[in-house]
């Protein structure tokens, strides 16, 4: 169990990519909600993220109000 309710990850990170991170999170705890963001989005990336159970995908730059809405929907107890 990962111990996290929500992870917000970028696709490009030093040494690995967000999909690798998502696969690891899914292995540890498939219930963790994940938001993926990237400036390098493509239909293929969004489809792969969806297959891995990503709750929301955001292209950069993204609207902060939309991000906050997604977070509040995924963490309904958050105020």
Protein backbone atom coordinates (compact mmCIF):
# COMPACT_ATOMS: atom_id res chain seq x y z
CA UNK A 1 0.00 0.00 0.00
CA UNK A 2 1.40 3.38 -1.00
CA UNK A 3 -0.31 5.43 1.67
CA UNK A 4 -1.29 8.20 -0.76
CA UNK A 5 -4.81 9.14 -1.78
CA UNK A 6 -3.70 11.28 -4.72
CA UNK A 7 -0.51 11.70 -6.73
CA UNK A 8 0.00 14.56 -9.18
CA UNK A 9 2.83 13.64 -11.52
CA UNK A 10 4.55 15.18 -14.50
CA UNK A 11 5.22 13.01 -17.52
CA UNK A 12 8.85 14.07 -17.94
CA UNK A 13 11.04 13.69 -14.87
CA UNK A 14 14.78 13.16 -14.43
CA UNK A 15 15.68 9.51 -14.98
CA UNK A 16 12.22 8.15 -15.77
CA UNK A 17 8.81 9.17 -17.02
CA UNK A 18 5.41 9.54 -15.42
CA UNK A 19 4.10 6.31 -16.95
CA UNK A 20 6.83 4.36 -15.17
CA UNK A 21 5.84 6.06 -11.92
CA UNK A 22 2.16 5.26 -12.53
CA UNK A 23 2.94 1.59 -13.16
CA UNK A 24 4.84 1.46 -9.86
CA UNK A 25 2.02 3.17 -7.99
CA UNK A 26 -0.52 0.78 -9.51
CA UNK A 27 1.62 -2.16 -8.37
CA UNK A 28 1.75 -0.83 -4.80
CA UNK A 29 -1.82 0.42 -4.51
CA UNK A 30 -4.25 0.40 -7.43
CA UNK A 31 -6.67 2.60 -5.45
CA UNK A 32 -4.45 5.69 -5.48
CA UNK A 33 -5.90 8.45 -7.67
CA UNK A 34 -3.46 9.94 -10.16
CA UNK A 35 -3.40 13.18 -12.13
CA UNK A 36 -0.86 13.35 -14.96
CA UNK A 37 0.34 16.63 -16.44
CA UNK A 38 2.69 17.32 -19.32
CA UNK A 39 3.75 19.84 -21.92
CA UNK A 40 4.42 16.91 -24.29
CA UNK A 41 0.97 15.37 -24.53
CA UNK A 42 -0.27 13.31 -27.43
CA UNK A 43 -3.32 11.20 -28.06
CA UNK A 44 -1.15 8.10 -27.61
CA UNK A 45 0.11 9.29 -24.22
CA UNK A 46 -3.40 10.15 -23.01
CA UNK A 47 -4.67 6.72 -24.12
CA UNK A 48 -1.83 4.93 -22.34
CA UNK A 49 -2.45 6.98 -19.19
CA UNK A 50 -6.13 6.11 -19.36
CA UNK A 51 -5.30 2.39 -19.66
CA UNK A 52 -3.21 2.73 -16.50
CA UNK A 53 -6.17 4.24 -14.67
CA UNK A 54 -5.10 7.88 -14.52
CA UNK A 55 -8.04 9.91 -13.25
CA UNK A 56 -7.26 13.15 -15.14
CA UNK A 57 -4.67 14.38 -17.64
CA UNK A 58 -3.68 18.01 -18.05
CA UNK A 59 -1.64 19.60 -20.80
CA UNK A 60 0.65 22.44 -19.79
CA UNK A 61 -0.03 25.17 -19.30
CA UNK A 62 -3.18 24.18 -17.47
CA UNK A 63 -5.89 26.19 -15.77
CA UNK A 64 -5.30 26.12 -12.00
CA UNK A 65 -9.04 26.29 -11.28
CA UNK A 66 -9.54 23.13 -13.37
CA UNK A 67 -6.71 21.41 -11.48
CA UNK A 68 -8.21 22.41 -8.13
CA UNK A 69 -11.62 21.16 -9.25
CA UNK A 70 -10.11 17.81 -10.26
CA UNK A 71 -8.32 17.54 -6.90
CA UNK A 72 -11.51 18.37 -4.99
CA UNK A 73 -13.45 15.76 -7.00
CA UNK A 74 -10.82 13.10 -6.30
CA UNK A 75 -10.48 14.05 -2.63
CA UNK A 76 -14.05 14.91 -1.63
CA UNK A 77 -13.16 15.30 2.07
CA UNK A 78 -10.69 18.10 1.25
CA UNK A 79 -11.88 21.62 1.97
